[in-house]
Amino acid sequence: MPAMTLHAQADLWQHRAATFAALFMQGEIQSPDNEVDRTDVLLYAVMNRGLPLATDLPRLTLGQRRGWAVHLDPAGALTLTWPHVQPLLLDAPLNLPTGWREAAEQHGLVLLFVGDRLGLRDQTQSHQTNPGQRWPHAAERGELAAGAIAYPRHHEQLEPRPAHLTDPRSRSRAGRWTRTRWHLRTNTRIPARHPHAAK
């Protein structure tokens, strides 16, 4: 069975005059001989479940995506639910930058970016990883999906996840990737000024 590896990194993202909590993700599927087969399956999977392709990031829509939500437990572990019976991330121990929780609470949302070639999979370069510098190029290549994900405040409940949107018999790669064995790799955020920061 091929292994799906999810790479995730939390960061802060400047959009117009506001600072938002952001989550960057990319995935890869490896064959049994450890050669990388696909790096775009996660991108297609999230687009198939309502996260739109992002090509004009300065005009990114901040309307929350239905069926998606981000939740932090008291210990700081992150769960990302989506229109599927299983969460995309479950109790993931991400390294959250200073101000991330406050930004998520303030806006009631987290900006999710899922793409390819964001620099998250190269563990030898993890000390230089800054996906905020790579996402404009991914958007230009048509390899980035992005959207606003609900961040329910303490008194709010997570939106129920509609299980009927996923056909367990689906034979497409995007439809069956969630049935593969997978594990999570996280990256440490390196503070840097993003090129899209407000002047």
N, C-alpha and C. Protein backbone atom coordinates (compact mmCIF):
# COMPACT_ATOMS: atom_id res chain seq x y z
N MET A 1 0.85 -1.19 0.00
CA MET A 1 0.00 0.00 0.00
C MET A 1 0.89 1.24 0.00
N PRO A 2 0.64 2.21 -0.89
CA PRO A 2 1.46 3.42 -0.91
C PRO A 2 1.23 4.26 0.34
N ALA A 3 2.24 5.04 0.70
CA ALA A 3 2.15 5.87 1.90
C ALA A 3 1.92 7.32 1.50
N MET A 4 0.92 7.95 2.13
CA MET A 4 0.67 9.36 1.92
C MET A 4 1.32 10.14 3.06
N THR A 5 2.17 11.08 2.73
CA THR A 5 2.77 11.95 3.73
C THR A 5 2.19 13.34 3.58
N LEU A 6 1.66 13.88 4.66
CA LEU A 6 1.16 15.24 4.67
C LEU A 6 2.18 16.14 5.35
N HIS A 7 2.57 17.21 4.68
CA HIS A 7 3.48 18.19 5.24
C HIS A 7 2.65 19.42 5.59
N ALA A 8 2.80 19.93 6.80
CA ALA A 8 1.99 21.07 7.24
C ALA A 8 2.85 22.06 8.00
N GLN A 9 2.54 23.33 7.84
CA GLN A 9 3.24 24.39 8.55
C GLN A 9 2.28 25.53 8.82
N ALA A 10 2.26 26.01 10.04
CA ALA A 10 1.45 27.17 10.41
C ALA A 10 2.28 28.43 10.25
N ASP A 11 1.63 29.51 9.85
CA ASP A 11 2.33 30.78 9.67
C ASP A 11 1.30 31.91 9.78
N LEU A 12 1.77 33.13 9.72
CA LEU A 12 0.90 34.30 9.68
C LEU A 12 0.92 34.86 8.26
N TRP A 13 -0.22 35.35 7.82
CA TRP A 13 -0.35 35.82 6.43
C TRP A 13 -0.98 37.20 6.43
N GLN A 14 -0.33 38.13 5.76
CA GLN A 14 -0.82 39.51 5.66
C GLN A 14 -1.71 39.62 4.44
N HIS A 15 -2.96 39.98 4.66
CA HIS A 15 -3.92 40.12 3.56
C HIS A 15 -4.58 41.48 3.69
N ARG A 16 -4.31 42.33 2.70
CA ARG A 16 -4.76 43.72 2.76
C ARG A 16 -4.17 44.35 4.02
N ALA A 17 -4.99 44.86 4.92
CA ALA A 17 -4.44 45.53 6.10
C ALA A 17 -4.51 44.66 7.35
N ALA A 18 -4.86 43.39 7.19
CA ALA A 18 -5.07 42.53 8.35
C ALA A 18 -4.10 41.35 8.34
N THR A 19 -3.84 40.81 9.52
CA THR A 19 -2.99 39.64 9.68
C THR A 19 -3.85 38.44 10.04
N PHE A 20 -3.71 37.36 9.28
CA PHE A 20 -4.52 36.17 9.47
C PHE A 20 -3.65 34.98 9.87
N ALA A 21 -4.23 34.07 10.62
CA ALA A 21 -3.59 32.78 10.86
C ALA A 21 -3.68 31.98 9.57
N ALA A 22 -2.60 31.31 9.21
CA ALA A 22 -2.57 30.56 7.96
C ALA A 22 -2.00 29.16 8.20
N LEU A 23 -2.41 28.24 7.36
CA LEU A 23 -1.92 26.87 7.40
C LEU A 23 -1.55 26.46 5.98
N PHE A 24 -0.29 26.06 5.79
CA PHE A 24 0.20 25.62 4.49
C PHE A 24 0.34 24.10 4.51
N MET A 25 -0.11 23.45 3.44
CA MET A 25 -0.03 21.99 3.36
C MET A 25 0.34 21.54 1.97
N GLN A 26 1.05 20.44 1.90
CA GLN A 26 1.26 19.72 0.65
C GLN A 26 1.44 18.26 0.98
N GLY A 27 1.24 17.42 -0.01
CA GLY A 27 1.30 15.98 0.23
C GLY A 27 2.10 15.27 -0.84
N GLU A 28 2.42 14.03 -0.55
CA GLU A 28 3.10 13.18 -1.53
C GLU A 28 2.72 11.73 -1.28
N ILE A 29 2.66 10.98 -2.35
CA ILE A 29 2.41 9.55 -2.25
C ILE A 29 3.68 8.84 -2.72
N GLN A 30 4.18 7.94 -1.89
CA GLN A 30 5.38 7.18 -2.23
C GLN A 30 5.02 5.73 -2.53
N SER A 31 5.68 5.18 -3.51
CA SER A 31 5.52 3.78 -3.84
C SER A 31 6.30 2.93 -2.84
N PRO A 32 6.07 1.63 -2.80
CA PRO A 32 6.78 0.77 -1.84
C PRO A 32 8.30 0.85 -1.93
N ASP A 33 8.84 1.23 -3.10
CA ASP A 33 10.30 1.32 -3.22
C ASP A 33 10.81 2.71 -2.86
N ASN A 34 9.91 3.53 -2.22
CA ASN A 34 10.26 4.86 -1.69
C ASN A 34 10.53 5.90 -2.76
N GLU A 35 10.14 5.65 -3.98
CA GLU A 35 10.24 6.67 -5.00
C GLU A 35 8.95 7.47 -5.02
N VAL A 36 9.06 8.79 -5.16
CA VAL A 36 7.87 9.64 -5.15
C VAL A 36 7.09 9.43 -6.44
N ASP A 37 5.82 9.05 -6.30
CA ASP A 37 4.97 8.83 -7.47
C ASP A 37 4.17 10.10 -7.82
N ARG A 38 3.52 10.67 -6.81
CA ARG A 38 2.66 11.83 -7.06
C ARG A 38 2.83 12.84 -5.94
N THR A 39 2.80 14.11 -6.29
CA THR A 39 2.84 15.16 -5.29
C THR A 39 1.64 16.10 -5.39
N ASP A 40 0.70 15.77 -6.29
CA ASP A 40 -0.44 16.64 -6.50
C ASP A 40 -1.76 16.04 -6.05
N VAL A 41 -1.72 14.84 -5.46
CA VAL A 41 -2.96 14.16 -5.08
C VAL A 41 -3.71 14.93 -4.01
N LEU A 42 -3.00 15.47 -3.01
CA LEU A 42 -3.66 16.24 -1.96
C LEU A 42 -4.34 17.47 -2.55
N LEU A 43 -3.67 18.14 -3.48
CA LEU A 43 -4.26 19.32 -4.12
C LEU A 43 -5.57 18.97 -4.79
N TYR A 44 -5.59 17.87 -5.57
CA TYR A 44 -6.82 17.48 -6.25
C TYR A 44 -7.90 17.04 -5.26
N ALA A 45 -7.48 16.41 -4.17
CA ALA A 45 -8.46 15.94 -3.18
C ALA A 45 -9.17 17.11 -2.52
N VAL A 46 -8.43 18.14 -2.12
CA VAL A 46 -9.08 19.28 -1.44
C VAL A 46 -9.93 20.08 -2.41
N MET A 47 -9.51 20.17 -3.67
CA MET A 47 -10.34 20.88 -4.65
C MET A 47 -11.62 20.10 -4.91
N ASN A 48 -11.54 18.78 -4.89
CA ASN A 48 -12.71 17.94 -5.09
C ASN A 48 -13.72 18.09 -3.96
N ARG A 49 -13.25 18.61 -2.81
CA ARG A 49 -14.11 18.76 -1.65
C ARG A 49 -14.34 20.22 -1.28
N GLY A 50 -14.22 21.10 -2.26
CA GLY A 50 -14.70 22.46 -2.07
C GLY A 50 -13.68 23.55 -1.86
N LEU A 51 -12.38 23.23 -1.83
CA LEU A 51 -11.38 24.29 -1.69
C LEU A 51 -11.01 24.76 -3.09
N PRO A 52 -11.26 26.02 -3.42
CA PRO A 52 -11.09 26.46 -4.81
C PRO A 52 -9.64 26.70 -5.20
N LEU A 53 -9.39 26.59 -6.50
CA LEU A 53 -8.09 26.94 -7.04
C LEU A 53 -7.87 28.43 -6.84
N ALA A 54 -6.68 28.81 -6.39
CA ALA A 54 -6.37 30.22 -6.12
C ALA A 54 -5.39 30.72 -7.17
N THR A 55 -5.83 31.66 -7.97
CA THR A 55 -4.95 32.25 -8.98
C THR A 55 -4.78 33.75 -8.80
N ASP A 56 -5.64 34.37 -8.01
CA ASP A 56 -5.57 35.81 -7.77
C ASP A 56 -5.58 36.04 -6.26
N LEU A 57 -4.44 35.83 -5.63
CA LEU A 57 -4.37 35.84 -4.17
C LEU A 57 -4.67 37.20 -3.54
N PRO A 58 -4.33 38.32 -4.16
CA PRO A 58 -4.72 39.59 -3.55
C PRO A 58 -6.23 39.75 -3.41
N ARG A 59 -6.98 38.99 -4.20
CA ARG A 59 -8.45 39.04 -4.13
C ARG A 59 -9.02 37.75 -3.55
N LEU A 60 -8.26 37.09 -2.70
CA LEU A 60 -8.71 35.86 -2.08
C LEU A 60 -10.01 36.08 -1.32
N THR A 61 -11.01 35.26 -1.60
CA THR A 61 -12.30 35.37 -0.94
C THR A 61 -12.21 34.86 0.49
N LEU A 62 -12.73 35.66 1.43
CA LEU A 62 -12.66 35.29 2.84
C LEU A 62 -13.95 34.65 3.34
N GLY A 63 -14.85 34.31 2.43
CA GLY A 63 -16.04 33.57 2.83
C GLY A 63 -15.67 32.16 3.21
N GLN A 64 -16.16 31.68 4.33
CA GLN A 64 -15.76 30.38 4.85
C GLN A 64 -16.29 29.24 3.99
N ARG A 65 -15.45 28.22 3.83
CA ARG A 65 -15.81 27.07 3.02
C ARG A 65 -16.70 26.12 3.81
N ARG A 66 -17.82 25.77 3.24
CA ARG A 66 -18.78 24.92 3.93
C ARG A 66 -18.21 23.52 4.16
N GLY A 67 -18.39 23.01 5.38
CA GLY A 67 -17.93 21.67 5.71
C GLY A 67 -16.50 21.59 6.19
N TRP A 68 -15.81 22.73 6.24
CA TRP A 68 -14.41 22.77 6.69
C TRP A 68 -14.33 23.52 8.02
N ALA A 69 -13.43 23.09 8.91
CA ALA A 69 -13.22 23.79 10.18
C ALA A 69 -11.87 23.41 10.77
N VAL A 70 -11.28 24.36 11.48
CA VAL A 70 -10.03 24.15 12.20
C VAL A 70 -10.32 24.28 13.68
N HIS A 71 -9.78 23.35 14.47
CA HIS A 71 -10.00 23.37 15.92
C HIS A 71 -8.67 23.11 16.62
N LEU A 72 -8.40 23.85 17.69
CA LEU A 72 -7.23 23.62 18.53
C LEU A 72 -7.68 23.09 19.87
N ASP A 73 -7.02 22.03 20.35
CA ASP A 73 -7.34 21.55 21.70
C ASP A 73 -6.52 22.35 22.71
N PRO A 74 -6.77 22.20 24.01
CA PRO A 74 -6.05 22.99 25.02
C PRO A 74 -4.54 22.82 24.96
N ALA A 75 -4.06 21.69 24.45
CA ALA A 75 -2.62 21.47 24.37
C ALA A 75 -2.01 22.08 23.11
N GLY A 76 -2.85 22.62 22.23
CA GLY A 76 -2.35 23.24 21.02
C GLY A 76 -2.30 22.34 19.81
N ALA A 77 -2.83 21.11 19.91
CA ALA A 77 -2.87 20.21 18.76
C ALA A 77 -4.01 20.63 17.83
N LEU A 78 -3.76 20.56 16.53
CA LEU A 78 -4.70 21.08 15.53
C LEU A 78 -5.43 19.94 14.83
N THR A 79 -6.74 20.11 14.68
CA THR A 79 -7.57 19.19 13.91
C THR A 79 -8.22 19.97 12.77
N LEU A 80 -8.11 19.43 11.56
CA LEU A 80 -8.70 20.05 10.38
C LEU A 80 -9.75 19.10 9.82
N THR A 81 -11.01 19.48 9.94
CA THR A 81 -12.09 18.68 9.39
C THR A 81 -12.49 19.24 8.03
N TRP A 82 -13.01 18.36 7.19
CA TRP A 82 -13.41 18.73 5.83
C TRP A 82 -14.58 17.85 5.43
N PRO A 83 -15.17 18.02 4.25
CA PRO A 83 -16.32 17.20 3.86
C PRO A 83 -15.94 15.75 3.60
N HIS A 84 -15.58 15.07 4.64
CA HIS A 84 -15.18 13.66 4.57
C HIS A 84 -15.44 13.06 5.94
N VAL A 85 -15.58 11.76 6.01
CA VAL A 85 -15.88 11.12 7.28
C VAL A 85 -14.71 11.17 8.25
N GLN A 86 -13.49 11.34 7.75
CA GLN A 86 -12.32 11.42 8.61
C GLN A 86 -11.67 12.79 8.48
N PRO A 87 -11.16 13.35 9.57
CA PRO A 87 -10.47 14.65 9.49
C PRO A 87 -9.23 14.55 8.60
N LEU A 88 -8.90 15.65 7.97
CA LEU A 88 -7.68 15.69 7.17
C LEU A 88 -6.46 15.69 8.09
N LEU A 89 -6.55 16.44 9.18
CA LEU A 89 -5.55 16.40 10.25
C LEU A 89 -6.27 16.10 11.55
N LEU A 90 -5.67 15.28 12.40
CA LEU A 90 -6.28 14.94 13.67
C LEU A 90 -5.24 15.08 14.78
N ASP A 91 -5.46 16.06 15.66
CA ASP A 91 -4.57 16.31 16.80
C ASP A 91 -3.13 16.44 16.34
N ALA A 92 -2.90 17.22 15.30
CA ALA A 92 -1.55 17.41 14.76
C ALA A 92 -0.77 18.39 15.64
N PRO A 93 0.43 18.02 16.07
CA PRO A 93 1.23 18.88 16.95
C PRO A 93 2.03 19.92 16.18
N LEU A 94 1.35 20.92 15.63
CA LEU A 94 2.03 21.94 14.85
C LEU A 94 2.71 22.96 15.75
N ASN A 95 3.79 23.53 15.25
CA ASN A 95 4.48 24.61 15.95
C ASN A 95 3.83 25.93 15.52
N LEU A 96 3.00 26.52 16.38
CA LEU A 96 2.26 27.72 16.02
C LEU A 96 3.10 28.96 16.33
N PRO A 97 3.24 29.87 15.35
CA PRO A 97 4.00 31.09 15.61
C PRO A 97 3.27 32.01 16.58
N THR A 98 4.01 32.90 17.19
CA THR A 98 3.42 33.86 18.12
C THR A 98 2.35 34.68 17.41
N GLY A 99 1.19 34.77 18.01
CA GLY A 99 0.08 35.54 17.45
C GLY A 99 -0.86 34.74 16.58
N TRP A 100 -0.54 33.46 16.33
CA TRP A 100 -1.39 32.66 15.45
C TRP A 100 -2.77 32.44 16.06
N ARG A 101 -2.80 32.01 17.32
CA ARG A 101 -4.09 31.76 17.97
C ARG A 101 -4.93 33.04 18.03
N GLU A 102 -4.29 34.14 18.38
CA GLU A 102 -5.00 35.40 18.52
C GLU A 102 -5.61 35.85 17.19
N ALA A 103 -4.84 35.68 16.10
CA ALA A 103 -5.37 36.04 14.78
C ALA A 103 -6.54 35.16 14.39
N ALA A 104 -6.44 33.86 14.69
CA ALA A 104 -7.54 32.94 14.37
C ALA A 104 -8.78 33.30 15.17
N GLU A 105 -8.60 33.61 16.44
CA GLU A 105 -9.73 34.00 17.29
C GLU A 105 -10.35 35.31 16.82
N GLN A 106 -9.52 36.27 16.47
CA GLN A 106 -10.02 37.58 16.07
C GLN A 106 -10.92 37.51 14.85
N HIS A 107 -10.50 36.75 13.84
CA HIS A 107 -11.25 36.69 12.59
C HIS A 107 -12.23 35.52 12.53
N GLY A 108 -12.06 34.56 13.43
CA GLY A 108 -12.93 33.39 13.39
C GLY A 108 -12.67 32.50 12.20
N LEU A 109 -11.45 32.57 11.65
CA LEU A 109 -11.11 31.75 10.50
C LEU A 109 -9.59 31.58 10.41
N VAL A 110 -9.22 30.58 9.62
CA VAL A 110 -7.83 30.31 9.29
C VAL A 110 -7.75 30.22 7.78
N LEU A 111 -6.74 30.82 7.18
CA LEU A 111 -6.55 30.71 5.74
C LEU A 111 -5.74 29.45 5.44
N LEU A 112 -6.31 28.58 4.63
CA LEU A 112 -5.67 27.32 4.29
C LEU A 112 -5.14 27.39 2.87
N PHE A 113 -3.86 27.04 2.70
CA PHE A 113 -3.22 26.99 1.39
C PHE A 113 -2.72 25.57 1.17
N VAL A 114 -3.15 24.94 0.10
CA VAL A 114 -2.72 23.59 -0.23
C VAL A 114 -2.14 23.63 -1.64
N GLY A 115 -0.89 23.20 -1.77
CA GLY A 115 -0.27 23.27 -3.08
C GLY A 115 0.88 22.33 -3.23
N ASP A 116 1.59 22.52 -4.31
CA ASP A 116 2.76 21.70 -4.61
C ASP A 116 3.97 22.63 -4.73
N ARG A 117 5.13 22.09 -4.46
CA ARG A 117 6.39 22.82 -4.55
C ARG A 117 6.40 24.06 -3.67
N LEU A 118 5.89 23.93 -2.45
CA LEU A 118 5.94 25.02 -1.48
C LEU A 118 7.18 24.93 -0.61
N GLY A 119 7.99 23.92 -0.81
CA GLY A 119 9.21 23.76 -0.03
C GLY A 119 9.03 23.03 1.27
N LEU A 120 7.86 22.42 1.49
CA LEU A 120 7.60 21.75 2.76
C LEU A 120 8.10 20.32 2.78
N ARG A 121 8.31 19.70 1.63
CA ARG A 121 8.69 18.29 1.63
C ARG A 121 10.18 18.07 1.73
N ASP A 122 10.99 19.09 1.48
CA ASP A 122 12.44 18.92 1.53
C ASP A 122 12.93 19.14 2.94
N GLN A 123 13.06 18.04 3.69
CA GLN A 123 13.46 18.15 5.09
C GLN A 123 14.88 18.68 5.25
N THR A 124 15.73 18.52 4.23
CA THR A 124 17.10 19.04 4.33
C THR A 124 17.12 20.55 4.27
N GLN A 125 16.03 21.14 3.76
CA GLN A 125 15.96 22.59 3.65
C GLN A 125 14.96 23.19 4.63
N SER A 126 14.55 22.40 5.64
CA SER A 126 13.48 22.86 6.53
C SER A 126 13.85 24.12 7.28
N HIS A 127 15.15 24.34 7.51
CA HIS A 127 15.54 25.54 8.24
C HIS A 127 15.37 26.79 7.38
N GLN A 128 15.17 26.62 6.07
CA GLN A 128 14.98 27.75 5.18
C GLN A 128 13.55 27.85 4.67
N THR A 129 12.70 26.95 5.13
CA THR A 129 11.35 26.88 4.59
C THR A 129 10.55 28.14 4.90
N ASN A 130 9.98 28.74 3.88
CA ASN A 130 9.09 29.87 4.04
C ASN A 130 8.07 29.81 2.93
N PRO A 131 6.97 29.07 3.13
CA PRO A 131 6.00 28.88 2.05
C PRO A 131 5.37 30.18 1.58
N GLY A 132 5.36 31.21 2.43
CA GLY A 132 4.79 32.48 2.02
C GLY A 132 5.51 33.11 0.85
N GLN A 133 6.77 32.74 0.64
CA GLN A 133 7.52 33.26 -0.50
C GLN A 133 7.29 32.44 -1.75
N ARG A 134 6.78 31.21 -1.59
CA ARG A 134 6.62 30.31 -2.73
C ARG A 134 5.20 30.28 -3.27
N TRP A 135 4.21 30.66 -2.44
CA TRP A 135 2.84 30.48 -2.90
C TRP A 135 2.48 31.32 -4.12
N PRO A 136 3.05 32.56 -4.33
CA PRO A 136 2.66 33.28 -5.55
C PRO A 136 3.04 32.51 -6.81
N HIS A 137 4.18 31.83 -6.79
CA HIS A 137 4.60 31.06 -7.96
C HIS A 137 3.70 29.84 -8.15
N ALA A 138 3.31 29.21 -7.05
CA ALA A 138 2.40 28.06 -7.15
C ALA A 138 1.06 28.51 -7.71
N ALA A 139 0.59 29.68 -7.31
CA ALA A 139 -0.68 30.21 -7.83
C ALA A 139 -0.57 30.47 -9.33
N GLU A 140 0.54 31.02 -9.76
CA GLU A 140 0.73 31.30 -11.19
C GLU A 140 0.76 30.01 -12.00
N ARG A 141 1.28 28.94 -11.40
CA ARG A 141 1.34 27.66 -12.11
C ARG A 141 0.02 26.90 -12.05
N GLY A 142 -0.97 27.41 -11.31
CA GLY A 142 -2.23 26.69 -11.15
C GLY A 142 -2.10 25.51 -10.22
N GLU A 143 -1.17 25.60 -9.25
CA GLU A 143 -0.90 24.50 -8.34
C GLU A 143 -1.17 24.89 -6.89
N LEU A 144 -2.14 25.77 -6.67
CA LEU A 144 -2.45 26.20 -5.31
C LEU A 144 -3.96 26.35 -5.15
N ALA A 145 -4.48 25.72 -4.11
CA ALA A 145 -5.87 25.91 -3.71
C ALA A 145 -5.86 26.64 -2.37
N ALA A 146 -6.81 27.53 -2.16
CA ALA A 146 -6.81 28.31 -0.93
C ALA A 146 -8.22 28.73 -0.58
N GLY A 147 -8.44 28.93 0.71
CA GLY A 147 -9.75 29.39 1.17
C GLY A 147 -9.75 29.66 2.65
N ALA A 148 -10.80 30.32 3.09
CA ALA A 148 -10.98 30.63 4.51
C ALA A 148 -11.71 29.48 5.18
N ILE A 149 -11.13 28.98 6.27
CA ILE A 149 -11.69 27.84 6.99
C ILE A 149 -12.18 28.32 8.36
N ALA A 150 -13.37 27.90 8.73
CA ALA A 150 -13.95 28.33 10.00
C ALA A 150 -13.05 27.93 11.17
N TYR A 151 -12.91 28.85 12.11
CA TYR A 151 -12.21 28.58 13.36
C TYR A 151 -13.21 28.86 14.48
N PRO A 152 -14.01 27.86 14.85
CA PRO A 152 -15.05 28.09 15.85
C PRO A 152 -14.46 28.56 17.17
N ARG A 153 -15.05 29.61 17.71
CA ARG A 153 -14.60 30.09 19.00
C ARG A 153 -15.06 29.13 20.09
N HIS A 154 -14.59 29.33 21.30
CA HIS A 154 -14.79 28.36 22.38
C HIS A 154 -16.27 28.01 22.58
N HIS A 155 -17.16 28.99 22.41
CA HIS A 155 -18.57 28.75 22.69
C HIS A 155 -19.31 28.18 21.49
N GLU A 156 -18.60 28.01 20.35
CA GLU A 156 -19.25 27.52 19.15
C GLU A 156 -18.92 26.05 18.94
N GLN A 157 -19.79 25.38 18.23
CA GLN A 157 -19.59 23.96 17.93
C GLN A 157 -19.02 23.83 16.53
N LEU A 158 -18.22 22.78 16.30
CA LEU A 158 -17.75 22.50 14.96
C LEU A 158 -18.91 22.13 14.05
N GLU A 159 -18.85 22.59 12.83
CA GLU A 159 -19.90 22.27 11.86
C GLU A 159 -19.87 20.78 11.55
N PRO A 160 -21.02 20.12 11.55
CA PRO A 160 -21.04 18.68 11.23
C PRO A 160 -20.42 18.41 9.86
N ARG A 161 -19.73 17.31 9.71
CA ARG A 161 -19.08 16.96 8.46
C ARG A 161 -20.00 16.06 7.64
N PRO A 162 -20.45 16.53 6.48
CA PRO A 162 -21.32 15.69 5.66
C PRO A 162 -20.54 14.53 5.05
N ALA A 163 -20.90 13.32 5.47
CA ALA A 163 -20.16 12.15 5.01
C ALA A 163 -20.59 11.72 3.61
N HIS A 164 -21.77 12.15 3.16
CA HIS A 164 -22.28 11.65 1.90
C HIS A 164 -21.56 12.21 0.68
N LEU A 165 -20.69 13.20 0.87
CA LEU A 165 -20.01 13.78 -0.27
C LEU A 165 -18.89 12.90 -0.80
N THR A 166 -18.49 11.90 -0.05
CA THR A 166 -17.40 11.02 -0.47
C THR A 166 -17.92 9.63 -0.76
N ASP A 167 -17.68 9.17 -1.97
CA ASP A 167 -18.08 7.83 -2.36
C ASP A 167 -16.93 6.88 -2.04
N PRO A 168 -17.09 5.96 -1.08
CA PRO A 168 -15.97 5.08 -0.71
C PRO A 168 -15.55 4.15 -1.84
N ARG A 169 -16.36 4.06 -2.89
CA ARG A 169 -16.01 3.19 -4.01
C ARG A 169 -15.30 3.94 -5.12
N SER A 170 -15.05 5.24 -4.88
CA SER A 170 -14.43 6.05 -5.92
C SER A 170 -13.11 5.45 -6.36
N ARG A 171 -12.86 5.46 -7.67
CA ARG A 171 -11.64 4.87 -8.19
C ARG A 171 -10.65 5.93 -8.64
N SER A 172 -11.01 7.21 -8.52
CA SER A 172 -10.05 8.25 -8.87
C SER A 172 -8.98 8.34 -7.80
N ARG A 173 -7.81 8.83 -8.18
CA ARG A 173 -6.73 8.95 -7.20
C ARG A 173 -7.11 9.92 -6.09
N ALA A 174 -7.78 11.01 -6.46
CA ALA A 174 -8.18 11.97 -5.44
C ALA A 174 -9.21 11.37 -4.51
N GLY A 175 -10.04 10.44 -5.02
CA GLY A 175 -11.06 9.84 -4.20
C GLY A 175 -10.56 8.77 -3.26
N ARG A 176 -9.46 8.11 -3.65
CA ARG A 176 -9.02 7.01 -2.81
C ARG A 176 -7.79 7.32 -1.97
N TRP A 177 -7.24 8.52 -2.07
CA TRP A 177 -5.99 8.80 -1.36
C TRP A 177 -6.17 8.74 0.14
N THR A 178 -7.39 9.04 0.65
CA THR A 178 -7.60 9.05 2.09
C THR A 178 -7.61 7.65 2.67
N ARG A 179 -7.65 6.61 1.83
CA ARG A 179 -7.62 5.25 2.34
C ARG A 179 -6.20 4.70 2.39
N THR A 180 -5.21 5.53 1.99
CA THR A 180 -3.83 5.08 2.07
C THR A 180 -3.29 5.32 3.47
N ARG A 181 -2.20 4.61 3.77
CA ARG A 181 -1.52 4.82 5.05
C ARG A 181 -0.76 6.15 4.96
N TRP A 182 -0.92 7.01 5.97
CA TRP A 182 -0.25 8.30 5.90
C TRP A 182 0.26 8.73 7.26
N HIS A 183 1.20 9.64 7.24
CA HIS A 183 1.69 10.25 8.46
C HIS A 183 1.98 11.72 8.19
N LEU A 184 2.12 12.47 9.26
CA LEU A 184 2.26 13.92 9.18
C LEU A 184 3.69 14.32 9.48
N ARG A 185 4.20 15.25 8.67
CA ARG A 185 5.47 15.90 8.96
C ARG A 185 5.21 17.39 9.11
N THR A 186 5.74 17.98 10.17
CA THR A 186 5.55 19.41 10.38
C THR A 186 6.88 20.11 10.25
N ASN A 187 6.81 21.38 9.92
CA ASN A 187 8.00 22.20 9.78
C ASN A 187 7.97 23.32 10.80
N THR A 188 9.14 23.72 11.26
CA THR A 188 9.24 24.85 12.16
C THR A 188 9.18 26.13 11.37
N ARG A 189 8.37 27.06 11.81
CA ARG A 189 8.24 28.33 11.10
C ARG A 189 9.49 29.16 11.28
N ILE A 190 9.98 29.73 10.19
CA ILE A 190 11.10 30.66 10.23
C ILE A 190 10.54 32.05 9.97
N PRO A 191 10.62 32.98 10.94
CA PRO A 191 10.06 34.31 10.73
C PRO A 191 10.69 34.97 9.51
N ALA A 192 9.88 35.57 8.68
CA ALA A 192 10.37 36.26 7.50
C ALA A 192 9.30 37.21 7.03
N ARG A 193 9.72 38.27 6.36
CA ARG A 193 8.75 39.21 5.81
C ARG A 193 8.27 38.68 4.47
N HIS A 194 6.95 38.49 4.37
CA HIS A 194 6.39 37.97 3.14
C HIS A 194 6.34 39.06 2.08
N PRO A 195 6.49 38.68 0.82
CA PRO A 195 6.45 39.70 -0.23
C PRO A 195 5.11 40.36 -0.39
N HIS A 196 4.05 39.77 0.17
CA HIS A 196 2.71 40.34 0.04
C HIS A 196 2.32 41.18 1.24
N ALA A 197 3.26 41.39 2.16
CA ALA A 197 2.94 42.16 3.36
C ALA A 197 2.50 43.57 3.01
N ALA A 198 1.56 44.06 3.77
CA ALA A 198 1.06 45.41 3.53
C ALA A 198 2.16 46.42 3.79
N LYS A 199 2.25 47.44 2.94
CA LYS A 199 3.25 48.50 3.12
C LYS A 199 2.82 49.42 4.24
